[in-house]
Amino acid sequence: MDTGDRPARLAVGVLGAGRVGSVLGAALAQAGHRVVAASGVSDSSRRRAAERLGVELSLPEDVLRRSNLVLLTVPDDVLPDLVSGLAATGADLRGKLLVHASGAYGLAVLDPAAEAGALPLALHPVMTFTGRADDLTRLTGASFGVTAPVMLRPVAEALVIEMGAEPVWIADQDRALYHAAIAGAANHMVTLIAESQELLAKIGVEHPGRMLGPLLGAALDNVLRLGIAGLTGPVVRGDAGTVRKHVDALILAAPEAADAYVALARLTADRALAAGLLKPETAERLLDALGGNIWT
C-alpha cells in the first residue's frame, strides 16, 4: 500500500455487481484503479459487470484471490454471512482492503475478516441508485458516510475523493442512527410524493408531477437552508380545522395514507412547538384534531 496521501493503483474486485457495486467499481476505474473481477447471480448483474466494469462474472473465491481491494456490495442482511464465509474459507485476506457500502453497519461486521488480516473500511454513498445510466454521474459531489480505523483514514478519504465525492466521518456506534436519518428522508420522501401524485391523479389532475415539482423544489430548498424555520402550511399556521378536513378526506379516499398523515402532522406540530413557531394552546388544538375519536 502506498504510504502517501492517496492509495496505490489497486486491483478492484466486486462481490455483488448490483446497482451499488457496479457504480462504485466504475467510479474507482475512472479514478485509475483496475477492476479485475466481479461476482453476481442475476442476469442484471452479468449485464452490469460487462457494461460498467468490463469483466465477466467470476466465482467469489476468484474475485477475492485476484483483488487487493474488494467491494462487498451485497444486501445488508447478507453481509454478515458473506464476511463470516470469506473468513471461514481460510482464504488469504492479509493486507486486502475489504470495503462494504452498507449504511447501517460499521466496522464490527468486518471483524471476522479483520482478524484474518484484512483491512476494513465502511464507505456508504449517500445517494440513491436506480440502475439507470446516470447513476455514476450522481456520485460527483455526493457524500459518503465513512467509518475506518485510524490508520486507514487517509486511505478511506483518498478513495472517496477519487470517486468525486466528499467523505463525512461517522463514528462506528452512530452508523444505525446515521442510516435511519438519511434513509428516512430519501425513501419516505419518495413514498409521500408518489402517494400525493396518486391522490391528485384520482381527482383528475393530468400531470401531478408538473403540479408538485415547483412546490417540492421550494420546500426542499427552504428546509435545507432554514431547517424547521422553513416550515409552511396549515400545521405551522395552527389551522386545526383544515388539518381535520385533510384527515377526514384521506380516511375516505386512502385510509392507508391517513395513518401516515396523522403521524407526520403530529411530529410536525411537536417540532414547530419546540422551535417556538407554534403557541402551546394552538398546538393543543392541532393535536386534538389529530387524535381523540377521529377514527370513529
Protein backbone atom coordinates (compact mmCIF):
# COMPACT_ATOMS: atom_id res chain seq x y z
CA MET A 1 0.00 0.00 0.00
CA ASP A 2 1.22 3.46 -0.91
CA THR A 3 2.19 5.47 2.15
CA GLY A 4 1.35 8.80 0.51
CA ASP A 5 -1.93 10.71 0.70
CA ARG A 6 -3.63 8.51 -1.88
CA PRO A 7 -3.82 4.74 -2.31
CA ALA A 8 -1.67 2.99 -4.88
CA ARG A 9 -3.40 1.86 -8.06
CA LEU A 10 -5.47 -1.08 -6.88
CA ALA A 11 -6.84 -4.28 -8.40
CA VAL A 12 -10.54 -4.00 -7.55
CA GLY A 13 -12.93 -6.90 -7.12
CA VAL A 14 -16.69 -6.57 -6.68
CA LEU A 15 -18.60 -9.14 -4.65
CA GLY A 16 -22.14 -8.24 -5.66
CA ALA A 17 -22.24 -6.49 -9.03
CA GLY A 18 -25.63 -4.91 -8.42
CA ARG A 19 -26.62 -1.28 -8.69
CA VAL A 20 -24.25 -0.05 -5.98
CA GLY A 21 -21.30 -2.36 -6.64
CA SER A 22 -21.23 -1.68 -10.36
CA VAL A 23 -21.32 2.09 -9.81
CA LEU A 24 -18.59 2.12 -7.16
CA GLY A 25 -16.44 -0.20 -9.24
CA ALA A 26 -16.88 2.02 -12.28
CA ALA A 27 -16.06 5.13 -10.22
CA LEU A 28 -12.84 3.54 -8.95
CA ALA A 29 -11.96 2.56 -12.52
CA GLN A 30 -12.45 6.15 -13.63
CA ALA A 31 -10.03 7.16 -10.86
CA GLY A 32 -7.34 4.93 -12.35
CA HIS A 33 -7.83 1.71 -10.42
CA ARG A 34 -8.40 -1.54 -12.31
CA VAL A 35 -11.50 -3.69 -11.92
CA VAL A 36 -10.26 -7.25 -12.33
CA ALA A 37 -13.21 -9.43 -11.31
CA ALA A 38 -16.82 -9.37 -10.13
CA SER A 39 -19.38 -11.84 -8.86
CA GLY A 40 -23.16 -11.94 -9.00
CA VAL A 41 -26.06 -14.29 -9.54
CA SER A 42 -28.59 -12.46 -11.72
CA ASP A 43 -28.77 -11.62 -15.39
CA SER A 44 -28.78 -7.92 -14.50
CA SER A 45 -25.55 -8.41 -12.53
CA ARG A 46 -23.99 -10.12 -15.52
CA ARG A 47 -25.03 -7.22 -17.74
CA ARG A 48 -23.75 -4.57 -15.32
CA ALA A 49 -20.44 -6.37 -14.90
CA ALA A 50 -19.94 -6.40 -18.65
CA GLU A 51 -21.20 -2.89 -19.42
CA ARG A 52 -19.96 -0.93 -16.41
CA LEU A 53 -16.99 -2.91 -15.18
CA GLY A 54 -15.74 -4.57 -18.37
CA VAL A 55 -15.49 -8.04 -16.81
CA GLU A 56 -17.36 -11.31 -16.88
CA LEU A 57 -18.77 -12.75 -13.67
CA SER A 58 -16.46 -14.97 -11.64
CA LEU A 59 -16.75 -17.12 -8.54
CA PRO A 60 -16.37 -15.18 -5.26
CA GLU A 61 -13.14 -17.00 -4.42
CA ASP A 62 -11.66 -15.90 -7.75
CA VAL A 63 -12.67 -12.30 -7.08
CA LEU A 64 -11.00 -12.42 -3.69
CA ARG A 65 -7.84 -14.04 -4.97
CA ARG A 66 -7.29 -11.56 -7.81
CA SER A 67 -8.06 -8.35 -5.91
CA ASN A 68 -6.38 -6.21 -3.31
CA LEU A 69 -9.46 -4.03 -2.81
CA VAL A 70 -12.73 -5.96 -2.54
CA LEU A 71 -16.11 -4.21 -2.59
CA LEU A 72 -18.66 -6.13 -0.53
CA THR A 73 -21.77 -4.69 -2.14
CA VAL A 74 -24.48 -7.15 -1.18
CA PRO A 75 -27.79 -6.52 0.66
CA ASP A 76 -27.37 -5.59 4.32
CA ASP A 77 -28.93 -8.81 5.60
CA VAL A 78 -26.47 -10.88 3.55
CA LEU A 79 -23.33 -9.00 4.59
CA PRO A 80 -22.56 -10.70 7.96
CA ASP A 81 -22.79 -14.21 6.49
CA LEU A 82 -20.69 -13.18 3.49
CA VAL A 83 -17.89 -11.85 5.70
CA SER A 84 -18.00 -14.87 8.01
CA GLY A 85 -17.97 -17.17 5.00
CA LEU A 86 -14.94 -15.45 3.49
CA ALA A 87 -13.05 -15.77 6.75
CA ALA A 88 -14.08 -19.40 7.20
CA THR A 89 -12.73 -20.45 3.80
CA GLY A 90 -9.20 -19.79 5.01
CA ALA A 91 -8.55 -17.55 2.01
CA ASP A 92 -5.56 -15.25 2.33
CA LEU A 93 -7.05 -11.93 3.42
CA ARG A 94 -3.83 -10.38 4.70
CA GLY A 95 -3.41 -6.80 3.52
CA LYS A 96 -6.57 -6.79 1.40
CA LEU A 97 -8.87 -3.78 1.70
CA LEU A 98 -12.37 -5.05 2.40
CA VAL A 99 -14.87 -2.28 1.78
CA HIS A 100 -18.57 -2.59 2.46
CA ALA A 101 -21.10 0.00 1.34
CA SER A 102 -23.80 -0.58 3.94
CA GLY A 103 -25.13 2.47 5.73
CA ALA A 104 -26.36 0.69 8.84
CA TYR A 105 -23.25 -1.44 9.50
CA GLY A 106 -19.94 -0.12 10.74
CA LEU A 107 -16.65 -1.95 11.14
CA ALA A 108 -17.77 -4.70 13.53
CA VAL A 109 -19.41 -6.66 10.72
CA LEU A 110 -15.95 -7.00 9.14
CA ASP A 111 -14.32 -8.30 12.32
CA PRO A 112 -14.04 -11.96 11.17
CA ALA A 113 -12.09 -10.84 8.11
CA ALA A 114 -10.07 -8.25 10.02
CA GLU A 115 -8.96 -10.95 12.45
CA ALA A 116 -7.60 -12.81 9.43
CA GLY A 117 -5.57 -9.79 8.37
CA ALA A 118 -7.99 -7.86 6.13
CA LEU A 119 -8.10 -4.05 6.27
CA PRO A 120 -11.71 -2.99 6.99
CA LEU A 121 -13.46 0.10 5.62
CA ALA A 122 -17.11 1.20 5.65
CA LEU A 123 -17.81 3.57 2.73
CA HIS A 124 -21.51 4.29 2.26
CA PRO A 125 -22.55 6.53 -0.63
CA VAL A 126 -25.29 8.94 0.40
CA MET A 127 -27.03 8.58 -2.92
CA THR A 128 -29.87 6.63 -4.47
CA PHE A 129 -29.10 4.25 -7.33
CA THR A 130 -31.86 3.20 -9.72
CA GLY A 131 -29.84 1.16 -12.21
CA ARG A 132 -30.04 3.94 -14.81
CA ALA A 133 -27.13 5.27 -16.83
CA ASP A 134 -26.88 8.46 -14.75
CA ASP A 135 -26.10 6.61 -11.51
CA LEU A 136 -22.36 7.09 -11.97
CA THR A 137 -22.55 10.83 -12.59
CA ARG A 138 -24.67 11.26 -9.47
CA LEU A 139 -21.69 10.31 -7.33
CA THR A 140 -19.95 13.56 -8.24
CA GLY A 141 -20.40 15.94 -5.32
CA ALA A 142 -22.24 13.39 -3.18
CA SER A 143 -21.21 12.50 0.36
CA PHE A 144 -20.04 9.17 1.74
CA GLY A 145 -20.60 8.11 5.33
CA VAL A 146 -17.13 6.83 6.22
CA THR A 147 -16.00 4.71 9.16
CA ALA A 148 -12.43 3.47 9.26
CA PRO A 149 -9.69 2.54 11.72
CA VAL A 150 -7.44 5.49 12.47
CA MET A 151 -4.55 4.04 10.47
CA LEU A 152 -6.77 3.65 7.40
CA ARG A 153 -8.50 7.03 7.48
CA PRO A 154 -6.16 8.56 4.84
CA VAL A 155 -6.85 5.65 2.51
CA ALA A 156 -10.61 5.86 3.04
CA GLU A 157 -10.58 9.60 2.48
CA ALA A 158 -8.50 9.28 -0.69
CA LEU A 159 -10.75 6.61 -2.18
CA VAL A 160 -13.89 8.70 -1.64
CA ILE A 161 -12.30 11.84 -3.03
CA GLU A 162 -11.04 9.92 -6.04
CA MET A 163 -14.64 8.90 -6.75
CA GLY A 164 -15.56 12.58 -6.88
CA ALA A 165 -17.36 12.59 -3.54
CA GLU A 166 -16.91 14.04 -0.05
CA PRO A 167 -16.04 11.87 2.97
CA VAL A 168 -18.06 12.51 6.12
CA TRP A 169 -16.78 10.70 9.20
CA ILE A 170 -19.36 8.66 11.13
CA ALA A 171 -18.50 7.06 14.46
CA ASP A 172 -18.95 3.31 14.47
CA GLN A 173 -21.61 3.40 17.19
CA ASP A 174 -23.61 6.03 15.26
CA ARG A 175 -23.99 4.13 11.98
CA ALA A 176 -27.54 2.87 12.62
CA LEU A 177 -28.84 6.34 13.54
CA TYR A 178 -26.96 7.89 10.62
CA HIS A 179 -28.58 5.44 8.22
CA ALA A 180 -32.03 5.88 9.75
CA ALA A 181 -31.73 9.64 9.24
CA ILE A 182 -30.79 9.56 5.58
CA ALA A 183 -32.98 6.59 4.61
CA GLY A 184 -35.95 8.11 6.38
CA ALA A 185 -35.52 11.34 4.46
CA ALA A 186 -34.89 9.90 1.00
CA ASN A 187 -37.01 6.74 1.00
CA HIS A 188 -40.03 8.13 2.79
CA MET A 189 -39.97 11.25 0.63
CA VAL A 190 -40.39 9.05 -2.44
CA THR A 191 -43.32 7.26 -0.83
CA LEU A 192 -45.00 10.50 0.21
CA ILE A 193 -44.62 12.11 -3.19
CA ALA A 194 -45.81 9.00 -5.02
CA GLU A 195 -48.85 8.93 -2.73
CA SER A 196 -49.55 12.61 -3.43
CA GLN A 197 -49.30 12.01 -7.16
CA GLU A 198 -51.78 9.15 -6.97
CA LEU A 199 -54.26 11.21 -4.94
CA LEU A 200 -54.04 14.09 -7.41
CA ALA A 201 -54.45 11.72 -10.35
CA LYS A 202 -57.52 10.22 -8.63
CA ILE A 203 -59.27 13.60 -8.71
CA GLY A 204 -58.38 14.22 -12.33
CA VAL A 205 -55.11 16.16 -12.25
CA GLU A 206 -53.49 15.21 -15.56
CA HIS A 207 -49.84 15.93 -14.69
CA PRO A 208 -49.39 15.62 -10.91
CA GLY A 209 -45.60 15.76 -11.16
CA ARG A 210 -45.75 19.04 -13.04
CA MET A 211 -48.00 20.48 -10.35
CA LEU A 212 -45.88 19.26 -7.44
CA GLY A 213 -42.44 19.99 -8.88
CA PRO A 214 -42.13 23.73 -8.14
CA LEU A 215 -43.73 23.35 -4.70
CA LEU A 216 -41.49 20.47 -3.65
CA GLY A 217 -38.39 22.14 -5.05
CA ALA A 218 -39.12 25.26 -2.99
CA ALA A 219 -39.91 23.22 0.14
CA LEU A 220 -36.67 21.26 -0.17
CA ASP A 221 -34.67 24.44 -0.67
CA ASN A 222 -36.36 26.02 2.35
CA VAL A 223 -35.61 23.16 4.73
CA LEU A 224 -32.02 22.72 3.59
CA ARG A 225 -31.33 26.43 4.09
CA LEU A 226 -33.55 27.23 7.07
CA GLY A 227 -34.29 23.97 8.85
CA ILE A 228 -37.64 23.82 10.64
CA ALA A 229 -37.90 27.61 10.26
CA GLY A 230 -38.66 26.96 6.59
CA LEU A 231 -41.91 25.16 7.50
CA THR A 232 -45.12 26.41 5.87
CA GLY A 233 -48.66 25.08 5.68
CA PRO A 234 -51.69 24.51 7.92
CA VAL A 235 -49.86 22.90 10.84
CA VAL A 236 -47.47 25.78 11.46
CA ARG A 237 -50.36 28.22 10.89
CA GLY A 238 -52.37 26.40 13.54
CA ASP A 239 -55.27 25.65 11.18
CA ALA A 240 -56.75 22.78 13.16
CA GLY A 241 -59.96 22.76 11.13
CA THR A 242 -58.06 22.39 7.87
CA VAL A 243 -55.92 19.58 9.27
CA ARG A 244 -59.06 17.75 10.42
CA LYS A 245 -60.58 18.13 6.92
CA HIS A 246 -57.42 16.60 5.47
CA VAL A 247 -57.70 13.60 7.77
CA ASP A 248 -61.38 13.09 7.02
CA ALA A 249 -60.77 13.25 3.27
CA LEU A 250 -57.91 10.78 3.48
CA ILE A 251 -59.94 8.32 5.55
CA LEU A 252 -62.43 8.16 2.69
CA ALA A 253 -60.00 8.26 -0.25
CA ALA A 254 -56.89 6.46 1.02
CA PRO A 255 -57.23 5.06 4.55
CA GLU A 256 -53.72 3.59 4.45
CA ALA A 257 -52.33 7.11 3.91
CA ALA A 258 -54.36 8.66 6.72
CA ASP A 259 -52.27 7.00 9.45
CA ALA A 260 -49.08 8.38 7.92
CA TYR A 261 -50.57 11.86 7.59
CA VAL A 262 -51.62 11.89 11.25
CA ALA A 263 -48.23 10.66 12.46
CA LEU A 264 -46.33 13.20 10.37
CA ALA A 265 -48.67 16.06 11.30
CA ARG A 266 -48.14 15.26 14.99
CA LEU A 267 -44.38 15.20 14.51
CA THR A 268 -44.57 18.48 12.59
CA ALA A 269 -46.61 20.10 15.36
CA ASP A 270 -44.18 18.84 18.01
CA ARG A 271 -41.19 20.25 16.15
CA ALA A 272 -42.93 23.55 15.41
CA LEU A 273 -43.84 23.88 19.09
CA ALA A 274 -40.28 23.14 20.21
CA ALA A 275 -38.96 25.73 17.74
CA GLY A 276 -41.33 28.40 19.03
CA LEU A 277 -43.29 28.52 15.78
CA LEU A 278 -46.49 27.36 17.49
CA LYS A 279 -48.03 28.52 20.75
CA PRO A 280 -48.86 25.75 23.20
CA GLU A 281 -52.61 26.36 23.06
CA THR A 282 -52.54 26.27 19.25
CA ALA A 283 -50.54 23.05 19.26
CA GLU A 284 -53.07 21.54 21.67
CA ARG A 285 -55.93 22.31 19.29
CA LEU A 286 -53.99 20.73 16.44
CA LEU A 287 -53.23 17.61 18.41
CA ASP A 288 -56.89 17.35 19.43
CA ALA A 289 -57.83 17.49 15.74
CA LEU A 290 -55.38 14.67 15.07
CA GLY A 291 -56.41 12.48 18.00
CA GLY A 292 -59.42 11.59 20.06
CA ASN A 293 -62.20 9.99 18.11
CA ILE A 294 -61.13 10.87 14.57
CA TRP A 295 -61.19 7.19 13.56
CA THR A 296 -64.76 6.58 14.72
